[in-house]
Structure formats: structure tokens, C-alpha cells
């Protein structure tokens, strides 16, 4: 990969790379893409698509209505609270 492509990928990933890292990662990404090209040469027409290598099945349980905790009990151990609400620091400037 050339320097511009590496810089573009780094920008997408929100990474700040030094010039040395750009050269290093350019070489590494080039090797990875070369390996992918080699894998693309394989005939996979008879291979069934899979989402996981092991056969898995979801184990669902029946929904059961259970009593919930009251609001007072929920905020009982909160570091800060206001009535029955968790009080958190403001993040809006």
C-alpha cells in the first residue's frame, strides 16, 4: 500500500501515525492484502456459507413475569440520587 492509502485508512480509524509507522504499516497491510489475494485463488464454490465454525443453536427460555424491584430499592445503593432517580454528572457543556 502506498503512503496515501495508509494515511486514508488511518484517518478512517482515527489513528495518528508517525511517518515511520506509515511506512511500517504500509508494508504490513501490503503483505496482508497479498495473502488475501492468495486466498481468493481457492475454489470455494462447493463450500457452504457459515456464520460460525461450530454448529450452534440458541437456547431460549420462556418469558416469565416476575415481580420487579421498587424504585426505592433500585436506587438504595446509588452514590448520588435525586428522589427515585440516579444522579449523574452533566456531560453537556
PDB file of N, CA and C in Angstrom:
ATOM      1  N   UNK A   1       0.847  -1.182   0.000  1.00  0.00           N
ATOM      2  CA  UNK A   1       0.000   0.000   0.000  1.00  0.00           C
ATOM      3  C   UNK A   1       0.886   1.237   0.000  1.00  0.00           C
ATOM      4  N   UNK A   2       0.432   2.253  -0.716  1.00  0.00           N
ATOM      5  CA  UNK A   2       1.229   3.480  -0.725  1.00  0.00           C
ATOM      6  C   UNK A   2       0.873   4.353   0.480  1.00  0.00           C
ATOM      7  N   UNK A   3       1.660   5.383   0.668  1.00  0.00           N
ATOM      8  CA  UNK A   3       1.542   6.247   1.846  1.00  0.00           C
ATOM      9  C   UNK A   3       0.150   6.876   1.945  1.00  0.00           C
ATOM     10  N   UNK A   4      -0.412   7.303   0.800  1.00  0.00           N
ATOM     11  CA  UNK A   4      -1.716   7.955   0.802  1.00  0.00           C
ATOM     12  C   UNK A   4      -2.817   7.004   1.266  1.00  0.00           C
ATOM     13  N   UNK A   5      -2.755   5.753   0.821  1.00  0.00           N
ATOM     14  CA  UNK A   5      -3.757   4.766   1.226  1.00  0.00           C
ATOM     15  C   UNK A   5      -3.658   4.468   2.724  1.00  0.00           C
ATOM     16  N   UNK A   6      -2.443   4.332   3.226  1.00  0.00           N
ATOM     17  CA  UNK A   6      -2.248   4.070   4.654  1.00  0.00           C
ATOM     18  C   UNK A   6      -2.755   5.254   5.472  1.00  0.00           C
ATOM     19  N   UNK A   7      -2.455   6.460   5.030  1.00  0.00           N
ATOM     20  CA  UNK A   7      -2.916   7.658   5.727  1.00  0.00           C
ATOM     21  C   UNK A   7      -4.444   7.720   5.713  1.00  0.00           C
ATOM     22  N   UNK A   8      -5.048   7.364   4.584  1.00  0.00           N
ATOM     23  CA  UNK A   8      -6.503   7.371   4.479  1.00  0.00           C
ATOM     24  C   UNK A   8      -7.126   6.362   5.445  1.00  0.00           C
ATOM     25  N   UNK A   9      -6.591   5.144   5.483  1.00  0.00           N
ATOM     26  CA  UNK A   9      -7.103   4.114   6.395  1.00  0.00           C
ATOM     27  C   UNK A   9      -6.909   4.556   7.843  1.00  0.00           C
ATOM     28  N   UNK A  10      -5.776   5.141   8.144  1.00  0.00           N
ATOM     29  CA  UNK A  10      -5.510   5.623   9.499  1.00  0.00           C
ATOM     30  C   UNK A  10      -6.501   6.722   9.882  1.00  0.00           C
ATOM     31  N   UNK A  11      -6.824   7.588   8.944  1.00  0.00           N
ATOM     32  CA  UNK A  11      -7.808   8.640   9.206  1.00  0.00           C
ATOM     33  C   UNK A  11      -9.174   8.036   9.494  1.00  0.00           C
ATOM     34  N   UNK A  12      -9.570   7.036   8.715  1.00  0.00           N
ATOM     35  CA  UNK A  12     -10.850   6.365   8.957  1.00  0.00           C
ATOM     36  C   UNK A  12     -10.886   5.725  10.339  1.00  0.00           C
ATOM     37  N   UNK A  13      -9.754   5.186  10.774  1.00  0.00           N
ATOM     38  CA  UNK A  13      -9.661   4.534  12.080  1.00  0.00           C
ATOM     39  C   UNK A  13      -9.350   5.529  13.192  1.00  0.00           C
ATOM     40  N   UNK A  14      -9.242   6.798  12.820  1.00  0.00           N
ATOM     41  CA  UNK A  14      -8.928   7.865  13.777  1.00  0.00           C
ATOM     42  C   UNK A  14      -7.604   7.599  14.500  1.00  0.00           C
ATOM     43  N   UNK A  15      -6.598   7.210  13.708  1.00  0.00           N
ATOM     44  CA  UNK A  15      -5.267   6.963  14.236  1.00  0.00           C
ATOM     45  C   UNK A  15      -4.308   8.031  13.733  1.00  0.00           C
ATOM     46  N   UNK A  16      -3.487   8.516  14.602  1.00  0.00           N
ATOM     47  CA  UNK A  16      -2.441   9.457  14.210  1.00  0.00           C
ATOM     48  C   UNK A  16      -1.143   8.669  14.089  1.00  0.00           C
ATOM     49  N   UNK A  17      -0.647   8.551  12.867  1.00  0.00           N
ATOM     50  CA  UNK A  17       0.568   7.767  12.627  1.00  0.00           C
ATOM     51  C   UNK A  17       1.747   8.683  12.348  1.00  0.00           C
ATOM     52  N   UNK A  18       2.892   8.266  12.859  1.00  0.00           N
ATOM     53  CA  UNK A  18       4.131   8.963  12.523  1.00  0.00           C
ATOM     54  C   UNK A  18       4.540   8.523  11.110  1.00  0.00           C
ATOM     55  N   UNK A  19       5.425   9.264  10.469  1.00  0.00           N
ATOM     56  CA  UNK A  19       5.882   8.840   9.141  1.00  0.00           C
ATOM     57  C   UNK A  19       6.491   7.427   9.153  1.00  0.00           C
ATOM     58  N   UNK A  20       7.201   7.082  10.236  1.00  0.00           N
ATOM     59  CA  UNK A  20       7.803   5.745  10.327  1.00  0.00           C
ATOM     60  C   UNK A  20       6.710   4.672  10.425  1.00  0.00           C
ATOM     61  N   UNK A  21       5.679   4.962  11.214  1.00  0.00           N
ATOM     62  CA  UNK A  21       4.576   3.997  11.349  1.00  0.00           C
ATOM     63  C   UNK A  21       3.824   3.844  10.036  1.00  0.00           C
ATOM     64  N   UNK A  22       3.693   4.933   9.292  1.00  0.00           N
ATOM     65  CA  UNK A  22       3.015   4.873   7.992  1.00  0.00           C
ATOM     66  C   UNK A  22       3.745   3.919   7.059  1.00  0.00           C
ATOM     67  N   UNK A  23       5.062   4.006   7.036  1.00  0.00           N
ATOM     68  CA  UNK A  23       5.859   3.104   6.189  1.00  0.00           C
ATOM     69  C   UNK A  23       5.741   1.663   6.689  1.00  0.00           C
ATOM     70  N   UNK A  24       5.873   1.474   8.013  1.00  0.00           N
ATOM     71  CA  UNK A  24       5.801   0.143   8.611  1.00  0.00           C
ATOM     72  C   UNK A  24       4.449  -0.511   8.338  1.00  0.00           C
ATOM     73  N   UNK A  25       3.362   0.224   8.636  1.00  0.00           N
ATOM     74  CA  UNK A  25       2.029  -0.347   8.462  1.00  0.00           C
ATOM     75  C   UNK A  25       1.673  -0.515   6.989  1.00  0.00           C
ATOM     76  N   UNK A  26       2.232   0.336   6.142  1.00  0.00           N
ATOM     77  CA  UNK A  26       2.014   0.173   4.703  1.00  0.00           C
ATOM     78  C   UNK A  26       2.546  -1.164   4.228  1.00  0.00           C
ATOM     79  N   UNK A  27       3.741  -1.520   4.689  1.00  0.00           N
ATOM     80  CA  UNK A  27       4.320  -2.816   4.324  1.00  0.00           C
ATOM     81  C   UNK A  27       3.512  -3.972   4.881  1.00  0.00           C
ATOM     82  N   UNK A  28       3.083  -3.838   6.141  1.00  0.00           N
ATOM     83  CA  UNK A  28       2.298  -4.906   6.763  1.00  0.00           C
ATOM     84  C   UNK A  28       0.944  -5.082   6.077  1.00  0.00           C
ATOM     85  N   UNK A  29       0.284  -3.979   5.772  1.00  0.00           N
ATOM     86  CA  UNK A  29      -1.006  -4.072   5.092  1.00  0.00           C
ATOM     87  C   UNK A  29      -0.842  -4.649   3.690  1.00  0.00           C
ATOM     88  N   UNK A  30       0.244  -4.293   3.031  1.00  0.00           N
ATOM     89  CA  UNK A  30       0.515  -4.868   1.714  1.00  0.00           C
ATOM     90  C   UNK A  30       0.660  -6.384   1.779  1.00  0.00           C
ATOM     91  N   UNK A  31       1.352  -6.886   2.809  1.00  0.00           N
ATOM     92  CA  UNK A  31       1.506  -8.331   2.989  1.00  0.00           C
ATOM     93  C   UNK A  31       0.166  -8.993   3.283  1.00  0.00           C
ATOM     94  N   UNK A  32      -0.654  -8.341   4.081  1.00  0.00           N
ATOM     95  CA  UNK A  32      -1.980  -8.894   4.408  1.00  0.00           C
ATOM     96  C   UNK A  32      -2.829  -8.987   3.150  1.00  0.00           C
ATOM     97  N   UNK A  33      -2.829  -7.919   2.328  1.00  0.00           N
ATOM     98  CA  UNK A  33      -3.626  -7.938   1.101  1.00  0.00           C
ATOM     99  C   UNK A  33      -3.098  -8.975   0.111  1.00  0.00           C
ATOM    100  N   UNK A  34      -1.791  -9.178   0.068  1.00  0.00           N
ATOM    101  CA  UNK A  34      -1.224 -10.203  -0.804  1.00  0.00           C
ATOM    102  C   UNK A  34      -1.695 -11.587  -0.365  1.00  0.00           C
ATOM    103  N   UNK A  35      -1.762 -11.810   0.952  1.00  0.00           N
ATOM    104  CA  UNK A  35      -2.239 -13.097   1.470  1.00  0.00           C
ATOM    105  C   UNK A  35      -3.717 -13.291   1.140  1.00  0.00           C
ATOM    106  N   UNK A  36      -4.501 -12.218   1.253  1.00  0.00           N
ATOM    107  CA  UNK A  36      -5.922 -12.306   0.915  1.00  0.00           C
ATOM    108  C   UNK A  36      -6.091 -12.657  -0.556  1.00  0.00           C
ATOM    109  N   UNK A  37      -5.279 -12.052  -1.418  1.00  0.00           N
ATOM    110  CA  UNK A  37      -5.336 -12.374  -2.848  1.00  0.00           C
ATOM    111  C   UNK A  37      -5.030 -13.848  -3.077  1.00  0.00           C
ATOM    112  N   UNK A  38      -4.069 -14.384  -2.322  1.00  0.00           N
ATOM    113  CA  UNK A  38      -3.733 -15.796  -2.449  1.00  0.00           C
ATOM    114  C   UNK A  38      -4.923 -16.662  -2.027  1.00  0.00           C
ATOM    115  N   UNK A  39      -5.600 -16.258  -0.952  1.00  0.00           N
ATOM    116  CA  UNK A  39      -6.782 -17.000  -0.506  1.00  0.00           C
ATOM    117  C   UNK A  39      -7.919 -16.919  -1.526  1.00  0.00           C
ATOM    118  N   UNK A  40      -8.010 -15.809  -2.238  1.00  0.00           N
ATOM    119  CA  UNK A  40      -9.057 -15.654  -3.254  1.00  0.00           C
ATOM    120  C   UNK A  40      -8.877 -16.609  -4.428  1.00  0.00           C
ATOM    121  N   UNK A  41      -7.704 -17.190  -4.561  1.00  0.00           N
ATOM    122  CA  UNK A  41      -7.451 -18.150  -5.639  1.00  0.00           C
ATOM    123  C   UNK A  41      -8.102 -19.510  -5.366  1.00  0.00           C
ATOM    124  N   UNK A  42      -8.462 -19.757  -4.111  1.00  0.00           N
ATOM    125  CA  UNK A  42      -9.060 -21.039  -3.755  1.00  0.00           C
ATOM    126  C   UNK A  42     -10.464 -21.166  -4.311  1.00  0.00           C
ATOM    127  N   UNK A  43     -10.822 -22.391  -4.723  1.00  0.00           N
ATOM    128  CA  UNK A  43     -12.176 -22.657  -5.211  1.00  0.00           C
ATOM    129  C   UNK A  43     -13.077 -22.940  -4.007  1.00  0.00           C
ATOM    130  N   UNK A  44     -13.962 -22.010  -3.725  1.00  0.00           N
ATOM    131  CA  UNK A  44     -14.875 -22.177  -2.590  1.00  0.00           C
ATOM    132  C   UNK A  44     -16.323 -22.341  -3.060  1.00  0.00           C
ATOM    133  N   UNK A  45     -16.493 -22.685  -4.333  1.00  0.00           N
ATOM    134  CA  UNK A  45     -17.848 -22.788  -4.884  1.00  0.00           C
ATOM    135  C   UNK A  45     -18.672 -23.884  -4.215  1.00  0.00           C
ATOM    136  N   UNK A  46     -18.013 -24.907  -3.689  1.00  0.00           N
ATOM    137  CA  UNK A  46     -18.750 -26.009  -3.057  1.00  0.00           C
ATOM    138  C   UNK A  46     -18.762 -25.902  -1.531  1.00  0.00           C
ATOM    139  N   UNK A  47     -18.278 -24.792  -1.000  1.00  0.00           N
ATOM    140  CA  UNK A  47     -18.250 -24.596   0.438  1.00  0.00           C
ATOM    141  C   UNK A  47     -19.488 -23.796   0.836  1.00  0.00           C
ATOM    142  N   UNK A  48     -20.247 -24.375   1.757  1.00  0.00           N
ATOM    143  CA  UNK A  48     -21.469 -23.717   2.194  1.00  0.00           C
ATOM    144  C   UNK A  48     -21.132 -22.522   3.089  1.00  0.00           C
ATOM    145  N   UNK A  49     -21.828 -21.398   2.891  1.00  0.00           N
ATOM    146  CA  UNK A  49     -21.569 -20.242   3.753  1.00  0.00           C
ATOM    147  C   UNK A  49     -21.902 -20.561   5.206  1.00  0.00           C
ATOM    148  N   UNK A  50     -21.078 -20.067   6.108  1.00  0.00           N
ATOM    149  CA  UNK A  50     -21.323 -20.296   7.528  1.00  0.00           C
ATOM    150  C   UNK A  50     -21.157 -18.986   8.290  1.00  0.00           C
ATOM    151  N   UNK A  51     -21.834 -18.910   9.409  1.00  0.00           N
ATOM    152  CA  UNK A  51     -21.646 -17.743  10.264  1.00  0.00           C
ATOM    153  C   UNK A  51     -20.779 -18.107  11.456  1.00  0.00           C
ATOM    154  N   UNK A  52     -20.590 -19.403  11.669  1.00  0.00           N
ATOM    155  CA  UNK A  52     -19.777 -19.863  12.793  1.00  0.00           C
ATOM    156  C   UNK A  52     -19.219 -21.236  12.429  1.00  0.00           C
ATOM    157  N   UNK A  53     -18.038 -21.543  12.906  1.00  0.00           N
ATOM    158  CA  UNK A  53     -17.413 -22.815  12.546  1.00  0.00           C
ATOM    159  C   UNK A  53     -18.024 -23.999  13.282  1.00  0.00           C
ATOM    160  N   UNK A  54     -18.670 -23.753  14.400  1.00  0.00           N
ATOM    161  CA  UNK A  54     -19.303 -24.830  15.161  1.00  0.00           C
ATOM    162  C   UNK A  54     -20.816 -24.752  15.022  1.00  0.00           C
ATOM    163  N   UNK A  55     -21.481 -25.905  14.992  1.00  0.00           N
ATOM    164  CA  UNK A  55     -22.945 -25.854  14.924  1.00  0.00           C
ATOM    165  C   UNK A  55     -23.512 -25.352  16.262  1.00  0.00           C
ATOM    166  N   UNK A  56     -24.188 -24.232  16.216  1.00  0.00           N
ATOM    167  CA  UNK A  56     -24.746 -23.642  17.426  1.00  0.00           C
ATOM    168  C   UNK A  56     -26.248 -23.471  17.269  1.00  0.00           C
ATOM    169  N   UNK A  57     -26.921 -23.527  18.376  1.00  0.00           N
ATOM    170  CA  UNK A  57     -28.344 -23.202  18.355  1.00  0.00           C
ATOM    171  C   UNK A  57     -28.628 -22.348  19.574  1.00  0.00           C
ATOM    172  N   UNK A  58     -29.539 -21.417  19.407  1.00  0.00           N
ATOM    173  CA  UNK A  58     -29.889 -20.552  20.515  1.00  0.00           C
ATOM    174  C   UNK A  58     -30.708 -21.313  21.541  1.00  0.00           C
ATOM    175  N   UNK A  59     -30.441 -21.052  22.775  1.00  0.00           N
ATOM    176  CA  UNK A  59     -31.217 -21.657  23.852  1.00  0.00           C
ATOM    177  C   UNK A  59     -32.092 -20.553  24.429  1.00  0.00           C
ATOM    178  N   UNK A  60     -33.350 -20.647  24.115  1.00  0.00           N
ATOM    179  CA  UNK A  60     -34.281 -19.643  24.597  1.00  0.00           C
ATOM    180  C   UNK A  60     -35.030 -20.180  25.796  1.00  0.00           C
ATOM    181  N   UNK A  61     -35.336 -19.310  26.703  1.00  0.00           N
ATOM    182  CA  UNK A  61     -36.178 -19.697  27.824  1.00  0.00           C
ATOM    183  C   UNK A  61     -37.485 -18.947  27.686  1.00  0.00           C
ATOM    184  N   UNK A  62     -38.498 -19.506  28.270  1.00  0.00           N
ATOM    185  CA  UNK A  62     -39.803 -18.854  28.219  1.00  0.00           C
ATOM    186  C   UNK A  62     -39.766 -17.590  29.071  1.00  0.00           C
ATOM    187  N   UNK A  63     -40.413 -16.557  28.591  1.00  0.00           N
ATOM    188  CA  UNK A  63     -40.514 -15.337  29.379  1.00  0.00           C
ATOM    189  C   UNK A  63     -41.443 -15.575  30.553  1.00  0.00           C
ATOM    190  N   UNK A  64     -41.008 -15.154  31.704  1.00  0.00           N
ATOM    191  CA  UNK A  64     -41.832 -15.299  32.895  1.00  0.00           C
ATOM    192  C   UNK A  64     -41.960 -13.938  33.560  1.00  0.00           C
ATOM    193  N   UNK A  65     -43.172 -13.615  33.917  1.00  0.00           N
ATOM    194  CA  UNK A  65     -43.402 -12.357  34.614  1.00  0.00           C
ATOM    195  C   UNK A  65     -43.019 -12.566  36.069  1.00  0.00           C
ATOM    196  N   UNK A  66     -42.125 -11.702  36.539  1.00  0.00           N
ATOM    197  CA  UNK A  66     -41.674 -11.778  37.924  1.00  0.00           C
ATOM    198  C   UNK A  66     -41.811 -10.399  38.540  1.00  0.00           C
ATOM    199  N   UNK A  67     -41.950 -10.338  39.832  1.00  0.00           N
ATOM    200  CA  UNK A  67     -42.045  -9.013  40.452  1.00  0.00           C
ATOM    201  C   UNK A  67     -40.710  -8.278  40.320  1.00  0.00           C
ATOM    202  N   UNK A  68     -40.806  -6.990  40.050  1.00  0.00           N
ATOM    203  CA  UNK A  68     -39.585  -6.195  39.912  1.00  0.00           C
ATOM    204  C   UNK A  68     -39.307  -5.460  41.211  1.00  0.00           C
ATOM    205  N   UNK A  69     -38.099  -4.934  41.288  1.00  0.00           N
ATOM    206  CA  UNK A  69     -37.732  -4.160  42.466  1.00  0.00           C
ATOM    207  C   UNK A  69     -38.445  -2.809  42.424  1.00  0.00           C
ATOM    208  N   UNK A  70     -38.749  -2.292  43.563  1.00  0.00           N
ATOM    209  CA  UNK A  70     -39.333  -0.961  43.626  1.00  0.00           C
ATOM    210  C   UNK A  70     -38.268   0.091  43.368  1.00  0.00           C
ATOM    211  N   UNK A  71     -38.687   1.292  42.987  1.00  0.00           N
ATOM    212  CA  UNK A  71     -37.748   2.362  42.656  1.00  0.00           C
ATOM    213  C   UNK A  71     -36.839   2.689  43.831  1.00  0.00           C
ATOM    214  N   UNK A  72     -37.361   2.697  45.036  1.00  0.00           N
ATOM    215  CA  UNK A  72     -36.543   2.981  46.219  1.00  0.00           C
ATOM    216  C   UNK A  72     -35.451   1.938  46.399  1.00  0.00           C
ATOM    217  N   UNK A  73     -35.773   0.686  46.195  1.00  0.00           N
ATOM    218  CA  UNK A  73     -34.802  -0.402  46.354  1.00  0.00           C
ATOM    219  C   UNK A  73     -33.706  -0.297  45.294  1.00  0.00           C
ATOM    220  N   UNK A  74     -34.085   0.091  44.087  1.00  0.00           N
ATOM    221  CA  UNK A  74     -33.125   0.180  42.989  1.00  0.00           C
ATOM    222  C   UNK A  74     -32.064   1.240  43.272  1.00  0.00           C
ATOM    223  N   UNK A  75     -32.469   2.411  43.768  1.00  0.00           N
ATOM    224  CA  UNK A  75     -31.518   3.492  43.989  1.00  0.00           C
ATOM    225  C   UNK A  75     -30.937   3.490  45.397  1.00  0.00           C
ATOM    226  N   UNK A  76     -31.216   2.469  46.141  1.00  0.00           N
ATOM    227  CA  UNK A  76     -30.776   2.382  47.533  1.00  0.00           C
ATOM    228  C   UNK A  76     -29.261   2.549  47.692  1.00  0.00           C
ATOM    229  N   UNK A  77     -28.482   1.925  46.839  1.00  0.00           N
ATOM    230  CA  UNK A  77     -27.020   1.979  46.951  1.00  0.00           C
ATOM    231  C   UNK A  77     -26.376   2.937  45.956  1.00  0.00           C
ATOM    232  N   UNK A  78     -27.164   3.785  45.322  1.00  0.00           N
ATOM    233  CA  UNK A  78     -26.614   4.723  44.341  1.00  0.00           C
ATOM    234  C   UNK A  78     -25.688   5.715  45.040  1.00  0.00           C
ATOM    235  N   UNK A  79     -24.554   6.042  44.430  1.00  0.00           N
ATOM    236  CA  UNK A  79     -23.650   7.014  45.039  1.00  0.00           C
ATOM    237  C   UNK A  79     -24.338   8.367  45.233  1.00  0.00           C
ATOM    238  N   UNK A  80     -25.118   8.771  44.239  1.00  0.00           N
ATOM    239  CA  UNK A  80     -25.900  10.001  44.346  1.00  0.00           C
ATOM    240  C   UNK A  80     -27.270   9.739  43.749  1.00  0.00           C
ATOM    241  N   UNK A  81     -28.279  10.319  44.348  1.00  0.00           N
ATOM    242  CA  UNK A  81     -29.621  10.138  43.832  1.00  0.00           C
ATOM    243  C   UNK A  81     -30.443  11.385  44.083  1.00  0.00           C
ATOM    244  N   UNK A  82     -31.491  11.490  43.330  1.00  0.00           N
ATOM    245  CA  UNK A  82     -32.449  12.570  43.500  1.00  0.00           C
ATOM    246  C   UNK A  82     -33.824  11.934  43.426  1.00  0.00           C
ATOM    247  N   UNK A  83     -34.498  11.871  44.570  1.00  0.00           N
ATOM    248  CA  UNK A  83     -35.770  11.152  44.711  1.00  0.00           C
ATOM    249  C   UNK A  83     -35.535   9.699  44.326  1.00  0.00           C
ATOM    250  N   UNK A  84     -36.197   9.211  43.305  1.00  0.00           N
ATOM    251  CA  UNK A  84     -36.012   7.808  42.900  1.00  0.00           C
ATOM    252  C   UNK A  84     -35.218   7.704  41.597  1.00  0.00           C
ATOM    253  N   UNK A  85     -34.340   8.680  41.341  1.00  0.00           N
ATOM    254  CA  UNK A  85     -33.542   8.693  40.130  1.00  0.00           C
ATOM    255  C   UNK A  85     -32.057   8.674  40.479  1.00  0.00           C
ATOM    256  N   UNK A  86     -31.250   8.071  39.581  1.00  0.00           N
ATOM    257  CA  UNK A  86     -29.803   8.134  39.720  1.00  0.00           C
ATOM    258  C   UNK A  86     -29.360   9.530  39.313  1.00  0.00           C
ATOM    259  N   UNK A  87     -28.507  10.147  40.095  1.00  0.00           N
ATOM    260  CA  UNK A  87     -27.987  11.470  39.750  1.00  0.00           C
ATOM    261  C   UNK A  87     -26.588  11.262  39.174  1.00  0.00           C
ATOM    262  N   UNK A  88     -26.389  11.760  37.975  1.00  0.00           N
ATOM    263  CA  UNK A  88     -25.104  11.601  37.274  1.00  0.00           C
ATOM    264  C   UNK A  88     -24.579  12.971  36.909  1.00  0.00           C
ATOM    265  N   UNK A  89     -23.269  13.090  36.709  1.00  0.00           N
ATOM    266  CA  UNK A  89     -22.704  14.384  36.338  1.00  0.00           C
ATOM    267  C   UNK A  89     -23.207  14.810  34.964  1.00  0.00           C
ATOM    268  N   UNK A  90     -23.379  16.100  34.790  1.00  0.00           N
ATOM    269  CA  UNK A  90     -23.798  16.638  33.499  1.00  0.00           C
ATOM    270  C   UNK A  90     -22.653  16.500  32.502  1.00  0.00           C
ATOM    271  N   UNK A  91     -22.978  16.090  31.278  1.00  0.00           N
ATOM    272  CA  UNK A  91     -21.950  15.943  30.241  1.00  0.00           C
ATOM    273  C   UNK A  91     -22.119  16.965  29.135  1.00  0.00           C
ATOM    274  N   UNK A  92     -23.144  17.806  29.239  1.00  0.00           N
ATOM    275  CA  UNK A  92     -23.393  18.822  28.213  1.00  0.00           C
ATOM    276  C   UNK A  92     -22.710  20.107  28.657  1.00  0.00           C
ATOM    277  N   UNK A  93     -21.924  20.667  27.759  1.00  0.00           N
ATOM    278  CA  UNK A  93     -21.216  21.899  28.103  1.00  0.00           C
ATOM    279  C   UNK A  93     -22.039  23.104  27.693  1.00  0.00           C
TER     280      UNK A  93
END
